[in-house]
Amino acid sequence: MEQENPQGIVLPEIDEKVSVQTSYHVLLYNDDIHTFDEVIAQLIKAIQCSFEKARDIAFEVHTKGKALVYSGSLTECLKISSILEEIALHTQITT
């Protein structure tokens, strides 16, 4: 149902059930170029995690071909992806 405001402008009805996507994800992909130590160090720098968490992510990347590194806002995902790519790691941001 359309609504008319005092200026006579017809406004479309807003669907209150529409949700906005706010969560994005950074994926890190495996390669044959970087060592575990390089990947771990860059993960620690990018997401400020512990050595153990970075090691777990690096191992998942190695065994499964990719791993979820971070979920959150697009701005944070772009920042984290950029840090990982400083040493030419391959990343992807998804929704």
PDB file of N, CA and C in Angstrom:
ATOM      1  N   MET A   1       0.835  -1.176   0.000  1.00  0.00           N
ATOM      2  CA  MET A   1       0.000   0.000   0.000  1.00  0.00           C
ATOM      3  C   MET A   1       0.884   1.245   0.000  1.00  0.00           C
ATOM      4  N   GLU A   2       0.641   2.150  -0.894  1.00  0.00           N
ATOM      5  CA  GLU A   2       1.412   3.372  -0.995  1.00  0.00           C
ATOM      6  C   GLU A   2       0.907   4.388   0.015  1.00  0.00           C
ATOM      7  N   GLN A   3       1.832   5.238   0.475  1.00  0.00           N
ATOM      8  CA  GLN A   3       1.492   6.280   1.431  1.00  0.00           C
ATOM      9  C   GLN A   3       1.775   7.634   0.805  1.00  0.00           C
ATOM     10  N   GLU A   4       0.940   8.635   1.153  1.00  0.00           N
ATOM     11  CA  GLU A   4       1.168   9.981   0.651  1.00  0.00           C
ATOM     12  C   GLU A   4       1.601  10.858   1.824  1.00  0.00           C
ATOM     13  N   ASN A   5       2.682  11.620   1.622  1.00  0.00           N
ATOM     14  CA  ASN A   5       3.149  12.510   2.684  1.00  0.00           C
ATOM     15  C   ASN A   5       2.515  13.889   2.491  1.00  0.00           C
ATOM     16  N   PRO A   6       2.719  14.846   3.425  1.00  0.00           N
ATOM     17  CA  PRO A   6       2.093  16.174   3.325  1.00  0.00           C
ATOM     18  C   PRO A   6       2.436  16.940   2.047  1.00  0.00           C
ATOM     19  N   GLN A   7       3.579  16.678   1.435  1.00  0.00           N
ATOM     20  CA  GLN A   7       3.948  17.387   0.212  1.00  0.00           C
ATOM     21  C   GLN A   7       3.285  16.787  -1.021  1.00  0.00           C
ATOM     22  N   GLY A   8       2.508  15.742  -0.849  1.00  0.00           N
ATOM     23  CA  GLY A   8       1.816  15.120  -1.970  1.00  0.00           C
ATOM     24  C   GLY A   8       2.648  14.107  -2.722  1.00  0.00           C
ATOM     25  N   ILE A   9       3.818  13.744  -2.190  1.00  0.00           N
ATOM     26  CA  ILE A   9       4.683  12.767  -2.840  1.00  0.00           C
ATOM     27  C   ILE A   9       4.249  11.374  -2.404  1.00  0.00           C
ATOM     28  N   VAL A  10       4.045  10.508  -3.370  1.00  0.00           N
ATOM     29  CA  VAL A  10       3.633   9.145  -3.063  1.00  0.00           C
ATOM     30  C   VAL A  10       4.868   8.305  -2.763  1.00  0.00           C
ATOM     31  N   LEU A  11       4.880   7.681  -1.597  1.00  0.00           N
ATOM     32  CA  LEU A  11       5.997   6.855  -1.167  1.00  0.00           C
ATOM     33  C   LEU A  11       5.609   5.384  -1.244  1.00  0.00           C
ATOM     34  N   PRO A  12       6.512   4.522  -1.732  1.00  0.00           N
ATOM     35  CA  PRO A  12       6.184   3.091  -1.779  1.00  0.00           C
ATOM     36  C   PRO A  12       6.184   2.502  -0.377  1.00  0.00           C
ATOM     37  N   GLU A  13       5.430   1.439  -0.229  1.00  0.00           N
ATOM     38  CA  GLU A  13       5.394   0.746   1.050  1.00  0.00           C
ATOM     39  C   GLU A  13       6.726   0.047   1.280  1.00  0.00           C
ATOM     40  N   ILE A  14       7.211   0.092   2.497  1.00  0.00           N
ATOM     41  CA  ILE A  14       8.482  -0.537   2.849  1.00  0.00           C
ATOM     42  C   ILE A  14       8.196  -1.909   3.447  1.00  0.00           C
ATOM     43  N   ASP A  15       8.862  -2.924   2.918  1.00  0.00           N
ATOM     44  CA  ASP A  15       8.720  -4.277   3.440  1.00  0.00           C
ATOM     45  C   ASP A  15       9.623  -4.429   4.659  1.00  0.00           C
ATOM     46  N   GLU A  16       9.044  -4.525   5.827  1.00  0.00           N
ATOM     47  CA  GLU A  16       9.799  -4.619   7.082  1.00  0.00           C
ATOM     48  C   GLU A  16      10.561  -5.941   7.208  1.00  0.00           C
ATOM     49  N   LYS A  17      10.246  -6.931   6.401  1.00  0.00           N
ATOM     50  CA  LYS A  17      10.857  -8.254   6.515  1.00  0.00           C
ATOM     51  C   LYS A  17      12.169  -8.376   5.749  1.00  0.00           C
ATOM     52  N   VAL A  18      12.526  -7.357   4.979  1.00  0.00           N
ATOM     53  CA  VAL A  18      13.756  -7.402   4.202  1.00  0.00           C
ATOM     54  C   VAL A  18      14.942  -7.246   5.156  1.00  0.00           C
ATOM     55  N   SER A  19      15.898  -8.161   5.062  1.00  0.00           N
ATOM     56  CA  SER A  19      17.077  -8.066   5.918  1.00  0.00           C
ATOM     57  C   SER A  19      18.280  -7.637   5.082  1.00  0.00           C
ATOM     58  N   VAL A  20      19.214  -6.989   5.734  1.00  0.00           N
ATOM     59  CA  VAL A  20      20.416  -6.512   5.067  1.00  0.00           C
ATOM     60  C   VAL A  20      21.575  -7.433   5.442  1.00  0.00           C
ATOM     61  N   GLN A  21      22.330  -7.869   4.441  1.00  0.00           N
ATOM     62  CA  GLN A  21      23.493  -8.723   4.673  1.00  0.00           C
ATOM     63  C   GLN A  21      24.582  -7.906   5.350  1.00  0.00           C
ATOM     64  N   THR A  22      24.997  -8.302   6.548  1.00  0.00           N
ATOM     65  CA  THR A  22      26.026  -7.549   7.251  1.00  0.00           C
ATOM     66  C   THR A  22      27.248  -8.393   7.567  1.00  0.00           C
ATOM     67  N   SER A  23      27.201  -9.678   7.279  1.00  0.00           N
ATOM     68  CA  SER A  23      28.326 -10.536   7.609  1.00  0.00           C
ATOM     69  C   SER A  23      29.037 -10.993   6.327  1.00  0.00           C
ATOM     70  N   TYR A  24      30.330 -10.742   6.314  1.00  0.00           N
ATOM     71  CA  TYR A  24      31.175 -11.169   5.205  1.00  0.00           C
ATOM     72  C   TYR A  24      32.242 -12.106   5.758  1.00  0.00           C
ATOM     73  N   HIS A  25      32.894 -12.848   4.874  1.00  0.00           N
ATOM     74  CA  HIS A  25      33.872 -13.853   5.302  1.00  0.00           C
ATOM     75  C   HIS A  25      35.143 -13.742   4.471  1.00  0.00           C
ATOM     76  N   VAL A  26      36.280 -13.937   5.128  1.00  0.00           N
ATOM     77  CA  VAL A  26      37.565 -13.987   4.437  1.00  0.00           C
ATOM     78  C   VAL A  26      38.002 -15.444   4.383  1.00  0.00           C
ATOM     79  N   LEU A  27      38.217 -15.937   3.172  1.00  0.00           N
ATOM     80  CA  LEU A  27      38.741 -17.282   2.969  1.00  0.00           C
ATOM     81  C   LEU A  27      40.198 -17.175   2.542  1.00  0.00           C
ATOM     82  N   LEU A  28      41.003 -18.093   3.044  1.00  0.00           N
ATOM     83  CA  LEU A  28      42.410 -18.183   2.661  1.00  0.00           C
ATOM     84  C   LEU A  28      42.604 -19.495   1.923  1.00  0.00           C
ATOM     85  N   TYR A  29      43.278 -19.439   0.777  1.00  0.00           N
ATOM     86  CA  TYR A  29      43.486 -20.618  -0.061  1.00  0.00           C
ATOM     87  C   TYR A  29      44.919 -21.123   0.035  1.00  0.00           C
ATOM     88  N   ASN A  30      45.071 -22.420  -0.165  1.00  0.00           N
ATOM     89  CA  ASN A  30      46.379 -23.068  -0.126  1.00  0.00           C
ATOM     90  C   ASN A  30      47.198 -22.712  -1.365  1.00  0.00           C
ATOM     91  N   ASP A  31      48.505 -22.708  -1.195  1.00  0.00           N
ATOM     92  CA  ASP A  31      49.417 -22.585  -2.330  1.00  0.00           C
ATOM     93  C   ASP A  31      50.680 -23.393  -2.031  1.00  0.00           C
ATOM     94  N   ASP A  32      51.508 -23.537  -3.018  1.00  0.00           N
ATOM     95  CA  ASP A  32      52.751 -24.296  -2.860  1.00  0.00           C
ATOM     96  C   ASP A  32      53.963 -23.375  -2.735  1.00  0.00           C
ATOM     97  N   ILE A  33      53.722 -22.115  -2.420  1.00  0.00           N
ATOM     98  CA  ILE A  33      54.793 -21.127  -2.382  1.00  0.00           C
ATOM     99  C   ILE A  33      55.219 -20.786  -0.956  1.00  0.00           C
ATOM    100  N   HIS A  34      54.254 -20.581  -0.086  1.00  0.00           N
ATOM    101  CA  HIS A  34      54.542 -20.109   1.269  1.00  0.00           C
ATOM    102  C   HIS A  34      54.751 -21.257   2.254  1.00  0.00           C
ATOM    103  N   THR A  35      55.634 -21.013   3.210  1.00  0.00           N
ATOM    104  CA  THR A  35      55.871 -21.995   4.268  1.00  0.00           C
ATOM    105  C   THR A  35      54.809 -21.829   5.355  1.00  0.00           C
ATOM    106  N   PHE A  36      54.695 -22.846   6.203  1.00  0.00           N
ATOM    107  CA  PHE A  36      53.768 -22.750   7.332  1.00  0.00           C
ATOM    108  C   PHE A  36      54.113 -21.535   8.196  1.00  0.00           C
ATOM    109  N   ASP A  37      55.390 -21.327   8.452  1.00  0.00           N
ATOM    110  CA  ASP A  37      55.809 -20.209   9.299  1.00  0.00           C
ATOM    111  C   ASP A  37      55.408 -18.863   8.704  1.00  0.00           C
ATOM    112  N   GLU A  38      55.521 -18.702   7.392  1.00  0.00           N
ATOM    113  CA  GLU A  38      55.117 -17.452   6.745  1.00  0.00           C
ATOM    114  C   GLU A  38      53.613 -17.219   6.884  1.00  0.00           C
ATOM    115  N   VAL A  39      52.840 -18.264   6.637  1.00  0.00           N
ATOM    116  CA  VAL A  39      51.380 -18.154   6.728  1.00  0.00           C
ATOM    117  C   VAL A  39      50.955 -17.869   8.161  1.00  0.00           C
ATOM    118  N   ILE A  40      51.534 -18.578   9.108  1.00  0.00           N
ATOM    119  CA  ILE A  40      51.206 -18.378  10.523  1.00  0.00           C
ATOM    120  C   ILE A  40      51.509 -16.944  10.944  1.00  0.00           C
ATOM    121  N   ALA A  41      52.677 -16.440  10.592  1.00  0.00           N
ATOM    122  CA  ALA A  41      53.060 -15.076  10.961  1.00  0.00           C
ATOM    123  C   ALA A  41      52.104 -14.052  10.361  1.00  0.00           C
ATOM    124  N   GLN A  42      51.701 -14.264   9.119  1.00  0.00           N
ATOM    125  CA  GLN A  42      50.803 -13.311   8.468  1.00  0.00           C
ATOM    126  C   GLN A  42      49.395 -13.384   9.053  1.00  0.00           C
ATOM    127  N   LEU A  43      48.956 -14.569   9.408  1.00  0.00           N
ATOM    128  CA  LEU A  43      47.651 -14.710  10.062  1.00  0.00           C
ATOM    129  C   LEU A  43      47.640 -13.991  11.408  1.00  0.00           C
ATOM    130  N   ILE A  44      48.699 -14.142  12.176  1.00  0.00           N
ATOM    131  CA  ILE A  44      48.798 -13.459  13.469  1.00  0.00           C
ATOM    132  C   ILE A  44      48.726 -11.946  13.265  1.00  0.00           C
ATOM    133  N   LYS A  45      49.426 -11.460  12.260  1.00  0.00           N
ATOM    134  CA  LYS A  45      49.421 -10.027  11.948  1.00  0.00           C
ATOM    135  C   LYS A  45      48.025  -9.566  11.505  1.00  0.00           C
ATOM    136  N   ALA A  46      47.363 -10.360  10.671  1.00  0.00           N
ATOM    137  CA  ALA A  46      46.081  -9.961  10.080  1.00  0.00           C
ATOM    138  C   ALA A  46      44.919 -10.003  11.061  1.00  0.00           C
ATOM    139  N   ILE A  47      44.846 -11.058  11.868  1.00  0.00           N
ATOM    140  CA  ILE A  47      43.671 -11.207  12.743  1.00  0.00           C
ATOM    141  C   ILE A  47      44.015 -11.152  14.227  1.00  0.00           C
ATOM    142  N   GLN A  48      45.254 -10.830  14.550  1.00  0.00           N
ATOM    143  CA  GLN A  48      45.710 -10.707  15.937  1.00  0.00           C
ATOM    144  C   GLN A  48      45.292 -11.902  16.790  1.00  0.00           C
ATOM    145  N   CYS A  49      45.592 -13.079  16.278  1.00  0.00           N
ATOM    146  CA  CYS A  49      45.245 -14.305  16.998  1.00  0.00           C
ATOM    147  C   CYS A  49      46.503 -14.907  17.623  1.00  0.00           C
ATOM    148  N   SER A  50      46.287 -15.952  18.396  1.00  0.00           N
ATOM    149  CA  SER A  50      47.414 -16.654  19.011  1.00  0.00           C
ATOM    150  C   SER A  50      48.155 -17.486  17.963  1.00  0.00           C
ATOM    151  N   PHE A  51      49.357 -17.883  18.319  1.00  0.00           N
ATOM    152  CA  PHE A  51      50.135 -18.761  17.444  1.00  0.00           C
ATOM    153  C   PHE A  51      49.364 -20.056  17.186  1.00  0.00           C
ATOM    154  N   GLU A  52      48.749 -20.600  18.228  1.00  0.00           N
ATOM    155  CA  GLU A  52      48.024 -21.868  18.107  1.00  0.00           C
ATOM    156  C   GLU A  52      46.846 -21.751  17.145  1.00  0.00           C
ATOM    157  N   LYS A  53      46.083 -20.651  17.241  1.00  0.00           N
ATOM    158  CA  LYS A  53      44.945 -20.440  16.344  1.00  0.00           C
ATOM    159  C   LYS A  53      45.435 -20.294  14.904  1.00  0.00           C
ATOM    160  N   ALA A  54      46.496 -19.516  14.688  1.00  0.00           N
ATOM    161  CA  ALA A  54      47.047 -19.341  13.347  1.00  0.00           C
ATOM    162  C   ALA A  54      47.558 -20.660  12.787  1.00  0.00           C
ATOM    163  N   ARG A  55      48.198 -21.465  13.636  1.00  0.00           N
ATOM    164  CA  ARG A  55      48.698 -22.775  13.208  1.00  0.00           C
ATOM    165  C   ARG A  55      47.535 -23.673  12.787  1.00  0.00           C
ATOM    166  N   ASP A  56      46.442 -23.646  13.553  1.00  0.00           N
ATOM    167  CA  ASP A  56      45.261 -24.454  13.221  1.00  0.00           C
ATOM    168  C   ASP A  56      44.662 -24.037  11.875  1.00  0.00           C
ATOM    169  N   ILE A  57      44.575 -22.722  11.636  1.00  0.00           N
ATOM    170  CA  ILE A  57      44.045 -22.235  10.359  1.00  0.00           C
ATOM    171  C   ILE A  57      44.969 -22.641   9.213  1.00  0.00           C
ATOM    172  N   ALA A  58      46.277 -22.478   9.401  1.00  0.00           N
ATOM    173  CA  ALA A  58      47.245 -22.840   8.363  1.00  0.00           C
ATOM    174  C   ALA A  58      47.166 -24.333   8.043  1.00  0.00           C
ATOM    175  N   PHE A  59      46.984 -25.155   9.078  1.00  0.00           N
ATOM    176  CA  PHE A  59      46.884 -26.594   8.842  1.00  0.00           C
ATOM    177  C   PHE A  59      45.603 -26.937   8.082  1.00  0.00           C
ATOM    178  N   GLU A  60      44.497 -26.254   8.422  1.00  0.00           N
ATOM    179  CA  GLU A  60      43.243 -26.489   7.692  1.00  0.00           C
ATOM    180  C   GLU A  60      43.386 -26.078   6.232  1.00  0.00           C
ATOM    181  N   VAL A  61      44.037 -24.949   5.973  1.00  0.00           N
ATOM    182  CA  VAL A  61      44.291 -24.508   4.593  1.00  0.00           C
ATOM    183  C   VAL A  61      45.098 -25.573   3.852  1.00  0.00           C
ATOM    184  N   HIS A  62      46.105 -26.101   4.519  1.00  0.00           N
ATOM    185  CA  HIS A  62      46.975 -27.108   3.908  1.00  0.00           C
ATOM    186  C   HIS A  62      46.219 -28.397   3.590  1.00  0.00           C
ATOM    187  N   THR A  63      45.373 -28.843   4.511  1.00  0.00           N
ATOM    188  CA  THR A  63      44.698 -30.139   4.331  1.00  0.00           C
ATOM    189  C   THR A  63      43.411 -30.055   3.509  1.00  0.00           C
ATOM    190  N   LYS A  64      42.680 -28.946   3.631  1.00  0.00           N
ATOM    191  CA  LYS A  64      41.391 -28.833   2.937  1.00  0.00           C
ATOM    192  C   LYS A  64      41.432 -27.929   1.709  1.00  0.00           C
ATOM    193  N   GLY A  65      42.538 -27.222   1.526  1.00  0.00           N
ATOM    194  CA  GLY A  65      42.660 -26.338   0.376  1.00  0.00           C
ATOM    195  C   GLY A  65      42.236 -24.908   0.635  1.00  0.00           C
ATOM    196  N   LYS A  66      41.460 -24.704   1.695  1.00  0.00           N
ATOM    197  CA  LYS A  66      41.040 -23.357   2.072  1.00  0.00           C
ATOM    198  C   LYS A  66      40.520 -23.393   3.497  1.00  0.00           C
ATOM    199  N   ALA A  67      40.420 -22.208   4.105  1.00  0.00           N
ATOM    200  CA  ALA A  67      39.882 -22.106   5.457  1.00  0.00           C
ATOM    201  C   ALA A  67      39.272 -20.735   5.664  1.00  0.00           C
ATOM    202  N   LEU A  68      38.256 -20.694   6.516  1.00  0.00           N
ATOM    203  CA  LEU A  68      37.646 -19.445   6.933  1.00  0.00           C
ATOM    204  C   LEU A  68      38.577 -18.774   7.937  1.00  0.00           C
ATOM    205  N   VAL A  69      38.964 -17.551   7.636  1.00  0.00           N
ATOM    206  CA  VAL A  69      39.892 -16.819   8.491  1.00  0.00           C
ATOM    207  C   VAL A  69      39.151 -15.844   9.397  1.00  0.00           C
ATOM    208  N   TYR A  70      38.107 -15.206   8.861  1.00  0.00           N
ATOM    209  CA  TYR A  70      37.428 -14.153   9.615  1.00  0.00           C
ATOM    210  C   TYR A  70      36.012 -13.970   9.087  1.00  0.00           C
ATOM    211  N   SER A  71      35.076 -13.629   9.969  1.00  0.00           N
ATOM    212  CA  SER A  71      33.712 -13.233   9.600  1.00  0.00           C
ATOM    213  C   SER A  71      33.397 -11.924  10.295  1.00  0.00           C
ATOM    214  N   GLY A  72      32.812 -10.996   9.547  1.00  0.00           N
ATOM    215  CA  GLY A  72      32.463  -9.707  10.132  1.00  0.00           C
ATOM    216  C   GLY A  72      32.090  -8.707   9.065  1.00  0.00           C
ATOM    217  N   SER A  73      32.349  -7.446   9.356  1.00  0.00           N
ATOM    218  CA  SER A  73      31.985  -6.368   8.439  1.00  0.00           C
ATOM    219  C   SER A  73      32.855  -6.409   7.186  1.00  0.00           C
ATOM    220  N   LEU A  74      32.326  -5.827   6.125  1.00  0.00           N
ATOM    221  CA  LEU A  74      33.084  -5.761   4.872  1.00  0.00           C
ATOM    222  C   LEU A  74      34.373  -4.964   5.065  1.00  0.00           C
ATOM    223  N   THR A  75      34.313  -3.892   5.826  1.00  0.00           N
ATOM    224  CA  THR A  75      35.504  -3.071   6.068  1.00  0.00           C
ATOM    225  C   THR A  75      36.612  -3.884   6.723  1.00  0.00           C
ATOM    226  N   GLU A  76      36.271  -4.641   7.755  1.00  0.00           N
ATOM    227  CA  GLU A  76      37.274  -5.481   8.432  1.00  0.00           C
ATOM    228  C   GLU A  76      37.786  -6.578   7.512  1.00  0.00           C
ATOM    229  N   CYS A  77      36.892  -7.177   6.734  1.00  0.00           N
ATOM    230  CA  CYS A  77      37.316  -8.227   5.802  1.00  0.00           C
ATOM    231  C   CYS A  77      38.293  -7.688   4.769  1.00  0.00           C
ATOM    232  N   LEU A  78      38.030  -6.497   4.263  1.00  0.00           N
ATOM    233  CA  LEU A  78      38.953  -5.890   3.294  1.00  0.00           C
ATOM    234  C   LEU A  78      40.309  -5.634   3.926  1.00  0.00           C
ATOM    235  N   LYS A  79      40.307  -5.160   5.168  1.00  0.00           N
ATOM    236  CA  LYS A  79      41.559  -4.896   5.882  1.00  0.00           C
ATOM    237  C   LYS A  79      42.352  -6.189   6.087  1.00  0.00           C
ATOM    238  N   ILE A  80      41.685  -7.231   6.555  1.00  0.00           N
ATOM    239  CA  ILE A  80      42.350  -8.509   6.832  1.00  0.00           C
ATOM    240  C   ILE A  80      42.848  -9.141   5.543  1.00  0.00           C
ATOM    241  N   SER A  81      42.026  -9.131   4.526  1.00  0.00           N
ATOM    242  CA  SER A  81      42.432  -9.677   3.231  1.00  0.00           C
ATOM    243  C   SER A  81      43.658  -8.953   2.692  1.00  0.00           C
ATOM    244  N   SER A  82      43.679  -7.646   2.819  1.00  0.00           N
ATOM    245  CA  SER A  82      44.808  -6.842   2.357  1.00  0.00           C
ATOM    246  C   SER A  82      46.099  -7.208   3.089  1.00  0.00           C
ATOM    247  N   ILE A  83      46.012  -7.415   4.389  1.00  0.00           N
ATOM    248  CA  ILE A  83      47.196  -7.805   5.160  1.00  0.00           C
ATOM    249  C   ILE A  83      47.684  -9.181   4.731  1.00  0.00           C
ATOM    250  N   LEU A  84      46.782 -10.114   4.539  1.00  0.00           N
ATOM    251  CA  LEU A  84      47.186 -11.457   4.096  1.00  0.00           C
ATOM    252  C   LEU A  84      47.835 -11.401   2.708  1.00  0.00           C
ATOM    253  N   GLU A  85      47.316 -10.546   1.859  1.00  0.00           N
ATOM    254  CA  GLU A  85      47.826 -10.452   0.493  1.00  0.00           C
ATOM    255  C   GLU A  85      49.141  -9.677   0.391  1.00  0.00           C
ATOM    256  N   GLU A  86      49.587  -9.069   1.492  1.00  0.00           N
ATOM    257  CA  GLU A  86      50.880  -8.370   1.478  1.00  0.00           C
ATOM    258  C   GLU A  86      52.023  -9.300   1.080  1.00  0.00           C
ATOM    259  N   ILE A  87      51.897 -10.587   1.402  1.00  0.00           N
ATOM    260  CA  ILE A  87      52.936 -11.549   1.032  1.00  0.00           C
ATOM    261  C   ILE A  87      52.447 -12.468  -0.092  1.00  0.00           C
ATOM    262  N   ALA A  88      51.428 -12.019  -0.813  1.00  0.00           N
ATOM    263  CA  ALA A  88      50.878 -12.723  -1.986  1.00  0.00           C
ATOM    264  C   ALA A  88      50.124 -14.005  -1.622  1.00  0.00           C
ATOM    265  N   LEU A  89      49.516 -14.039  -0.430  1.00  0.00           N
ATOM    266  CA  LEU A  89      48.609 -15.139  -0.121  1.00  0.00           C
ATOM    267  C   LEU A  89      47.326 -14.905  -0.925  1.00  0.00           C
ATOM    268  N   HIS A  90      46.647 -15.985  -1.276  1.00  0.00           N
ATOM    269  CA  HIS A  90      45.421 -15.882  -2.073  1.00  0.00           C
ATOM    270  C   HIS A  90      44.225 -15.912  -1.139  1.00  0.00           C
ATOM    271  N   THR A  91      43.393 -14.834  -1.192  1.00  0.00           N
ATOM    272  CA  THR A  91      42.212 -14.740  -0.348  1.00  0.00           C
ATOM    273  C   THR A  91      40.986 -14.461  -1.206  1.00  0.00           C
ATOM    274  N   GLN A  92      39.828 -14.626  -0.568  1.00  0.00           N
ATOM    275  CA  GLN A  92      38.565 -14.272  -1.202  1.00  0.00           C
ATOM    276  C   GLN A  92      37.623 -13.789  -0.128  1.00  0.00           C
ATOM    277  N   ILE A  93      36.858 -12.732  -0.440  1.00  0.00           N
ATOM    278  CA  ILE A  93      35.825 -12.252   0.466  1.00  0.00           C
ATOM    279  C   ILE A  93      34.485 -12.711  -0.092  1.00  0.00           C
ATOM    280  N   THR A  94      33.687 -13.359   0.765  1.00  0.00           N
ATOM    281  CA  THR A  94      32.397 -13.879   0.354  1.00  0.00           C
ATOM    282  C   THR A  94      31.314 -13.378   1.312  1.00  0.00           C
ATOM    283  N   THR A  95      30.070 -13.601   0.918  1.00  0.00           N
ATOM    284  CA  THR A  95      28.942 -13.276   1.800  1.00  0.00           C
ATOM    285  C   THR A  95      28.322 -14.545   2.332  1.00  0.00           C
TER     286      THR A  95
END
